[in-house]
PDB file of all heavy atoms in Angstrom:
ATOM      1  N   THR A   1      -7.960  28.051  -2.818  1.00  0.00           N
ATOM      2  CA  THR A   1      -7.180  28.749  -3.838  1.00  0.00           C
ATOM      3  C   THR A   1      -6.052  27.882  -4.364  1.00  0.00           C
ATOM      4  O   THR A   1      -5.778  27.851  -5.557  1.00  0.00           O
ATOM      5  CB  THR A   1      -6.641  30.076  -3.265  1.00  0.00           C
ATOM      6  OG1 THR A   1      -7.711  30.851  -2.729  1.00  0.00           O
ATOM      7  CG2 THR A   1      -5.940  30.875  -4.343  1.00  0.00           C
ATOM      8  N   MET A   2      -5.377  27.187  -3.458  1.00  0.00           N
ATOM      9  CA  MET A   2      -4.297  26.300  -3.872  1.00  0.00           C
ATOM     10  C   MET A   2      -4.831  25.176  -4.793  1.00  0.00           C
ATOM     11  O   MET A   2      -4.217  24.875  -5.823  1.00  0.00           O
ATOM     12  CB  MET A   2      -3.620  25.662  -2.641  1.00  0.00           C
ATOM     13  CG  MET A   2      -2.817  26.650  -1.820  1.00  0.00           C
ATOM     14  SD  MET A   2      -2.222  25.938  -0.256  1.00  0.00           S
ATOM     15  CE  MET A   2      -1.242  24.537  -0.855  1.00  0.00           C
ATOM     16  N   ALA A   3      -5.975  24.612  -4.420  1.00  0.00           N
ATOM     17  CA  ALA A   3      -6.557  23.552  -5.253  1.00  0.00           C
ATOM     18  C   ALA A   3      -6.908  24.061  -6.641  1.00  0.00           C
ATOM     19  O   ALA A   3      -6.684  23.390  -7.640  1.00  0.00           O
ATOM     20  CB  ALA A   3      -7.814  22.989  -4.555  1.00  0.00           C
ATOM     21  N   GLY A   4      -7.438  25.299  -6.704  1.00  0.00           N
ATOM     22  CA  GLY A   4      -7.801  25.874  -7.989  1.00  0.00           C
ATOM     23  C   GLY A   4      -6.580  26.115  -8.884  1.00  0.00           C
ATOM     24  O   GLY A   4      -6.603  25.834 -10.065  1.00  0.00           O
ATOM     25  N   MET A   5      -5.492  26.635  -8.286  1.00  0.00           N
ATOM     26  CA  MET A   5      -4.296  26.928  -9.080  1.00  0.00           C
ATOM     27  C   MET A   5      -3.577  25.635  -9.502  1.00  0.00           C
ATOM     28  O   MET A   5      -3.051  25.560 -10.616  1.00  0.00           O
ATOM     29  CB  MET A   5      -3.357  27.831  -8.256  1.00  0.00           C
ATOM     30  CG  MET A   5      -3.929  29.202  -7.971  1.00  0.00           C
ATOM     31  SD  MET A   5      -2.799  30.308  -7.103  1.00  0.00           S
ATOM     32  CE  MET A   5      -1.578  30.630  -8.375  1.00  0.00           C
ATOM     33  N   LEU A   6      -3.605  24.639  -8.642  1.00  0.00           N
ATOM     34  CA  LEU A   6      -2.965  23.367  -8.995  1.00  0.00           C
ATOM     35  C   LEU A   6      -3.776  22.572 -10.008  1.00  0.00           C
ATOM     36  O   LEU A   6      -3.242  21.773 -10.754  1.00  0.00           O
ATOM     37  CB  LEU A   6      -2.754  22.508  -7.726  1.00  0.00           C
ATOM     38  CG  LEU A   6      -1.650  22.960  -6.776  1.00  0.00           C
ATOM     39  CD1 LEU A   6      -1.675  22.158  -5.520  1.00  0.00           C
ATOM     40  CD2 LEU A   6      -0.266  22.879  -7.434  1.00  0.00           C
ATOM     41  N   GLY A   7      -5.088  22.797 -10.014  1.00  0.00           N
ATOM     42  CA  GLY A   7      -5.964  22.027 -10.910  1.00  0.00           C
ATOM     43  C   GLY A   7      -6.028  22.553 -12.320  1.00  0.00           C
ATOM     44  O   GLY A   7      -6.726  21.968 -13.155  1.00  0.00           O
ATOM     45  N   GLN A   8      -5.294  23.625 -12.629  1.00  0.00           N
ATOM     46  CA  GLN A   8      -5.382  24.218 -13.950  1.00  0.00           C
ATOM     47  C   GLN A   8      -4.840  23.315 -15.035  1.00  0.00           C
ATOM     48  O   GLN A   8      -5.279  23.368 -16.193  1.00  0.00           O
ATOM     49  CB  GLN A   8      -4.633  25.568 -13.974  1.00  0.00           C
ATOM     50  CG  GLN A   8      -5.320  26.645 -13.128  1.00  0.00           C
ATOM     51  CD  GLN A   8      -4.555  27.955 -13.121  1.00  0.00           C
ATOM     52  OE1 GLN A   8      -3.450  28.039 -13.631  1.00  0.00           O
ATOM     53  NE2 GLN A   8      -5.160  28.966 -12.531  1.00  0.00           N
ATOM     54  N   ASP A   9      -3.890  22.455 -14.705  1.00  0.00           N
ATOM     55  CA  ASP A   9      -3.338  21.551 -15.714  1.00  0.00           C
ATOM     56  C   ASP A   9      -3.765  20.113 -15.490  1.00  0.00           C
ATOM     57  O   ASP A   9      -3.136  19.155 -15.896  1.00  0.00           O
ATOM     58  CB  ASP A   9      -1.812  21.616 -15.747  1.00  0.00           C
ATOM     59  CG  ASP A   9      -1.169  21.121 -14.478  1.00  0.00           C
ATOM     60  OD1 ASP A   9      -1.885  21.025 -13.456  1.00  0.00           O
ATOM     61  OD2 ASP A   9       0.031  20.819 -14.497  1.00  0.00           O
ATOM     62  N   MET A  10      -4.924  19.939 -14.773  1.00  0.00           N
ATOM     63  CA  MET A  10      -5.458  18.614 -14.516  1.00  0.00           C
ATOM     64  C   MET A  10      -6.645  18.361 -15.468  1.00  0.00           C
ATOM     65  O   MET A  10      -7.301  19.273 -15.957  1.00  0.00           O
ATOM     66  CB  MET A  10      -5.928  18.485 -13.063  1.00  0.00           C
ATOM     67  CG  MET A  10      -4.843  18.731 -12.037  1.00  0.00           C
ATOM     68  SD  MET A  10      -3.603  17.413 -12.005  1.00  0.00           S
ATOM     69  CE  MET A  10      -4.524  16.125 -11.164  1.00  0.00           C
ATOM     70  N   THR A  11      -6.891  17.098 -15.749  1.00  0.00           N
ATOM     71  CA  THR A  11      -8.009  16.727 -16.614  1.00  0.00           C
ATOM     72  C   THR A  11      -8.623  15.416 -16.142  1.00  0.00           C
ATOM     73  O   THR A  11      -7.968  14.624 -15.461  1.00  0.00           O
ATOM     74  CB  THR A  11      -7.536  16.598 -18.081  1.00  0.00           C
ATOM     75  OG1 THR A  11      -8.665  16.353 -18.916  1.00  0.00           O
ATOM     76  CG2 THR A  11      -6.538  15.448 -18.242  1.00  0.00           C
ATOM     77  N   GLU A  12      -9.865  15.225 -16.492  1.00  0.00           N
ATOM     78  CA  GLU A  12     -10.589  13.998 -16.130  1.00  0.00           C
ATOM     79  C   GLU A  12     -10.757  13.136 -17.373  1.00  0.00           C
ATOM     80  O   GLU A  12     -11.246  13.610 -18.389  1.00  0.00           O
ATOM     81  CB  GLU A  12     -11.937  14.348 -15.537  1.00  0.00           C
ATOM     82  CG  GLU A  12     -12.697  13.184 -14.915  1.00  0.00           C
ATOM     83  CD  GLU A  12     -13.967  13.604 -14.227  1.00  0.00           C
ATOM     84  OE1 GLU A  12     -13.891  14.425 -13.283  1.00  0.00           O
ATOM     85  OE2 GLU A  12     -15.054  13.152 -14.644  1.00  0.00           O
ATOM     86  N   VAL A  13     -10.329  11.871 -17.319  1.00  0.00           N
ATOM     87  CA  VAL A  13     -10.369  10.980 -18.481  1.00  0.00           C
ATOM     88  C   VAL A  13     -10.961   9.624 -18.104  1.00  0.00           C
ATOM     89  O   VAL A  13     -10.962   9.246 -16.928  1.00  0.00           O
ATOM     90  CB  VAL A  13      -8.961  10.784 -19.066  1.00  0.00           C
ATOM     91  CG1 VAL A  13      -8.383  12.091 -19.582  1.00  0.00           C
ATOM     92  CG2 VAL A  13      -8.029  10.150 -18.041  1.00  0.00           C
ATOM     93  N   THR A  14     -11.455   8.959 -19.120  1.00  0.00           N
ATOM     94  CA  THR A  14     -11.934   7.571 -18.959  1.00  0.00           C
ATOM     95  C   THR A  14     -11.074   6.671 -19.816  1.00  0.00           C
ATOM     96  O   THR A  14     -10.896   6.896 -21.019  1.00  0.00           O
ATOM     97  CB  THR A  14     -13.411   7.470 -19.408  1.00  0.00           C
ATOM     98  OG1 THR A  14     -14.221   8.348 -18.614  1.00  0.00           O
ATOM     99  CG2 THR A  14     -13.912   6.042 -19.210  1.00  0.00           C
ATOM    100  N   LEU A  15     -10.503   5.636 -19.205  1.00  0.00           N
ATOM    101  CA  LEU A  15      -9.568   4.733 -19.880  1.00  0.00           C
ATOM    102  C   LEU A  15     -10.130   3.324 -19.870  1.00  0.00           C
ATOM    103  O   LEU A  15     -10.799   2.908 -18.897  1.00  0.00           O
ATOM    104  CB  LEU A  15      -8.230   4.756 -19.197  1.00  0.00           C
ATOM    105  CG  LEU A  15      -7.565   6.126 -18.948  1.00  0.00           C
ATOM    106  CD1 LEU A  15      -6.315   5.975 -18.091  1.00  0.00           C
ATOM    107  CD2 LEU A  15      -7.228   6.798 -20.272  1.00  0.00           C
ATOM    108  N   CYS A  16      -9.824   2.579 -20.899  1.00  0.00           N
ATOM    109  CA  CYS A  16     -10.136   1.158 -20.940  1.00  0.00           C
ATOM    110  C   CYS A  16      -8.798   0.413 -21.037  1.00  0.00           C
ATOM    111  O   CYS A  16      -8.134   0.404 -22.073  1.00  0.00           O
ATOM    112  CB  CYS A  16     -11.009   0.817 -22.168  1.00  0.00           C
ATOM    113  SG  CYS A  16     -11.502  -0.921 -22.203  1.00  0.00           S
ATOM    114  N   ILE A  17      -8.436  -0.202 -19.914  1.00  0.00           N
ATOM    115  CA  ILE A  17      -7.119  -0.862 -19.824  1.00  0.00           C
ATOM    116  C   ILE A  17      -7.302  -2.368 -19.938  1.00  0.00           C
ATOM    117  O   ILE A  17      -8.045  -2.983 -19.170  1.00  0.00           O
ATOM    118  CB  ILE A  17      -6.463  -0.508 -18.480  1.00  0.00           C
ATOM    119  CG1 ILE A  17      -6.302   1.023 -18.357  1.00  0.00           C
ATOM    120  CG2 ILE A  17      -5.119  -1.200 -18.360  1.00  0.00           C
ATOM    121  CD1 ILE A  17      -5.786   1.475 -17.029  1.00  0.00           C
ATOM    122  N   PRO A  18      -6.649  -3.004 -20.944  1.00  0.00           N
ATOM    123  CA  PRO A  18      -6.767  -4.470 -21.095  1.00  0.00           C
ATOM    124  C   PRO A  18      -6.333  -5.204 -19.851  1.00  0.00           C
ATOM    125  O   PRO A  18      -5.455  -4.729 -19.117  1.00  0.00           O
ATOM    126  CB  PRO A  18      -5.823  -4.733 -22.270  1.00  0.00           C
ATOM    127  CG  PRO A  18      -5.689  -3.435 -23.002  1.00  0.00           C
ATOM    128  CD  PRO A  18      -5.777  -2.370 -21.924  1.00  0.00           C
ATOM    129  N   TYR A  19      -6.904  -6.355 -19.628  1.00  0.00           N
ATOM    130  CA  TYR A  19      -6.566  -7.131 -18.429  1.00  0.00           C
ATOM    131  C   TYR A  19      -5.092  -7.558 -18.437  1.00  0.00           C
ATOM    132  O   TYR A  19      -4.485  -7.752 -17.380  1.00  0.00           O
ATOM    133  CB  TYR A  19      -7.477  -8.360 -18.323  1.00  0.00           C
ATOM    134  CG  TYR A  19      -8.885  -8.018 -17.946  1.00  0.00           C
ATOM    135  CD1 TYR A  19      -9.942  -8.168 -18.853  1.00  0.00           C
ATOM    136  CD2 TYR A  19      -9.185  -7.568 -16.665  1.00  0.00           C
ATOM    137  CE1 TYR A  19     -11.249  -7.848 -18.489  1.00  0.00           C
ATOM    138  CE2 TYR A  19     -10.474  -7.239 -16.280  1.00  0.00           C
ATOM    139  CZ  TYR A  19     -11.510  -7.388 -17.200  1.00  0.00           C
ATOM    140  OH  TYR A  19     -12.802  -7.056 -16.854  1.00  0.00           O
ATOM    141  N   ALA A  20      -4.540  -7.689 -19.638  1.00  0.00           N
ATOM    142  CA  ALA A  20      -3.129  -8.054 -19.749  1.00  0.00           C
ATOM    143  C   ALA A  20      -2.193  -6.990 -19.190  1.00  0.00           C
ATOM    144  O   ALA A  20      -1.037  -7.260 -18.877  1.00  0.00           O
ATOM    145  CB  ALA A  20      -2.762  -8.343 -21.198  1.00  0.00           C
ATOM    146  N   GLU A  21      -2.716  -5.744 -19.044  1.00  0.00           N
ATOM    147  CA  GLU A  21      -1.923  -4.640 -18.523  1.00  0.00           C
ATOM    148  C   GLU A  21      -2.524  -4.136 -17.224  1.00  0.00           C
ATOM    149  O   GLU A  21      -2.596  -2.949 -16.950  1.00  0.00           O
ATOM    150  CB  GLU A  21      -1.856  -3.504 -19.550  1.00  0.00           C
ATOM    151  CG  GLU A  21      -1.242  -3.939 -20.872  1.00  0.00           C
ATOM    152  CD  GLU A  21      -1.161  -2.785 -21.867  1.00  0.00           C
ATOM    153  OE1 GLU A  21      -0.746  -1.686 -21.452  1.00  0.00           O
ATOM    154  OE2 GLU A  21      -1.531  -2.997 -23.031  1.00  0.00           O
ATOM    155  N   SER A  22      -2.965  -5.047 -16.393  1.00  0.00           N
ATOM    156  CA  SER A  22      -3.619  -4.700 -15.134  1.00  0.00           C
ATOM    157  C   SER A  22      -2.677  -3.929 -14.202  1.00  0.00           C
ATOM    158  O   SER A  22      -3.141  -3.166 -13.303  1.00  0.00           O
ATOM    159  CB  SER A  22      -4.102  -5.958 -14.430  1.00  0.00           C
ATOM    160  OG  SER A  22      -3.032  -6.880 -14.205  1.00  0.00           O
ATOM    161  N   LYS A  23      -1.365  -4.092 -14.359  1.00  0.00           N
ATOM    162  CA  LYS A  23      -0.416  -3.338 -13.532  1.00  0.00           C
ATOM    163  C   LYS A  23      -0.554  -1.845 -13.748  1.00  0.00           C
ATOM    164  O   LYS A  23      -0.339  -1.043 -12.846  1.00  0.00           O
ATOM    165  CB  LYS A  23       1.030  -3.780 -13.833  1.00  0.00           C
ATOM    166  CG  LYS A  23       1.363  -5.179 -13.313  1.00  0.00           C
ATOM    167  CD  LYS A  23       2.812  -5.505 -13.570  1.00  0.00           C
ATOM    168  CE  LYS A  23       3.172  -6.901 -13.023  1.00  0.00           C
ATOM    169  NZ  LYS A  23       4.602  -7.219 -13.210  1.00  0.00           N
ATOM    170  N   LEU A  24      -0.917  -1.464 -15.006  1.00  0.00           N
ATOM    171  CA  LEU A  24      -1.121  -0.051 -15.290  1.00  0.00           C
ATOM    172  C   LEU A  24      -2.296   0.489 -14.517  1.00  0.00           C
ATOM    173  O   LEU A  24      -2.250   1.603 -13.970  1.00  0.00           O
ATOM    174  CB  LEU A  24      -1.335   0.130 -16.799  1.00  0.00           C
ATOM    175  CG  LEU A  24      -1.684   1.552 -17.259  1.00  0.00           C
ATOM    176  CD1 LEU A  24      -0.582   2.529 -16.867  1.00  0.00           C
ATOM    177  CD2 LEU A  24      -1.904   1.574 -18.764  1.00  0.00           C
ATOM    178  N   ALA A  25      -3.362  -0.289 -14.433  1.00  0.00           N
ATOM    179  CA  ALA A  25      -4.539   0.127 -13.655  1.00  0.00           C
ATOM    180  C   ALA A  25      -4.180   0.290 -12.173  1.00  0.00           C
ATOM    181  O   ALA A  25      -4.670   1.226 -11.497  1.00  0.00           O
ATOM    182  CB  ALA A  25      -5.661  -0.891 -13.813  1.00  0.00           C
ATOM    183  N   ALA A  26      -3.364  -0.599 -11.669  1.00  0.00           N
ATOM    184  CA  ALA A  26      -2.915  -0.515 -10.280  1.00  0.00           C
ATOM    185  C   ALA A  26      -2.074   0.748 -10.058  1.00  0.00           C
ATOM    186  O   ALA A  26      -2.187   1.411  -9.017  1.00  0.00           O
ATOM    187  CB  ALA A  26      -2.153  -1.745  -9.875  1.00  0.00           C
TER     188      ALA A  26
END
């Protein structure tokens, strides 16, 4: 129940992060 209520404002995304910004991926 906690997971369901906390997951209401969560989303799944796919990102393409340039190698120059690898710190963002980390």
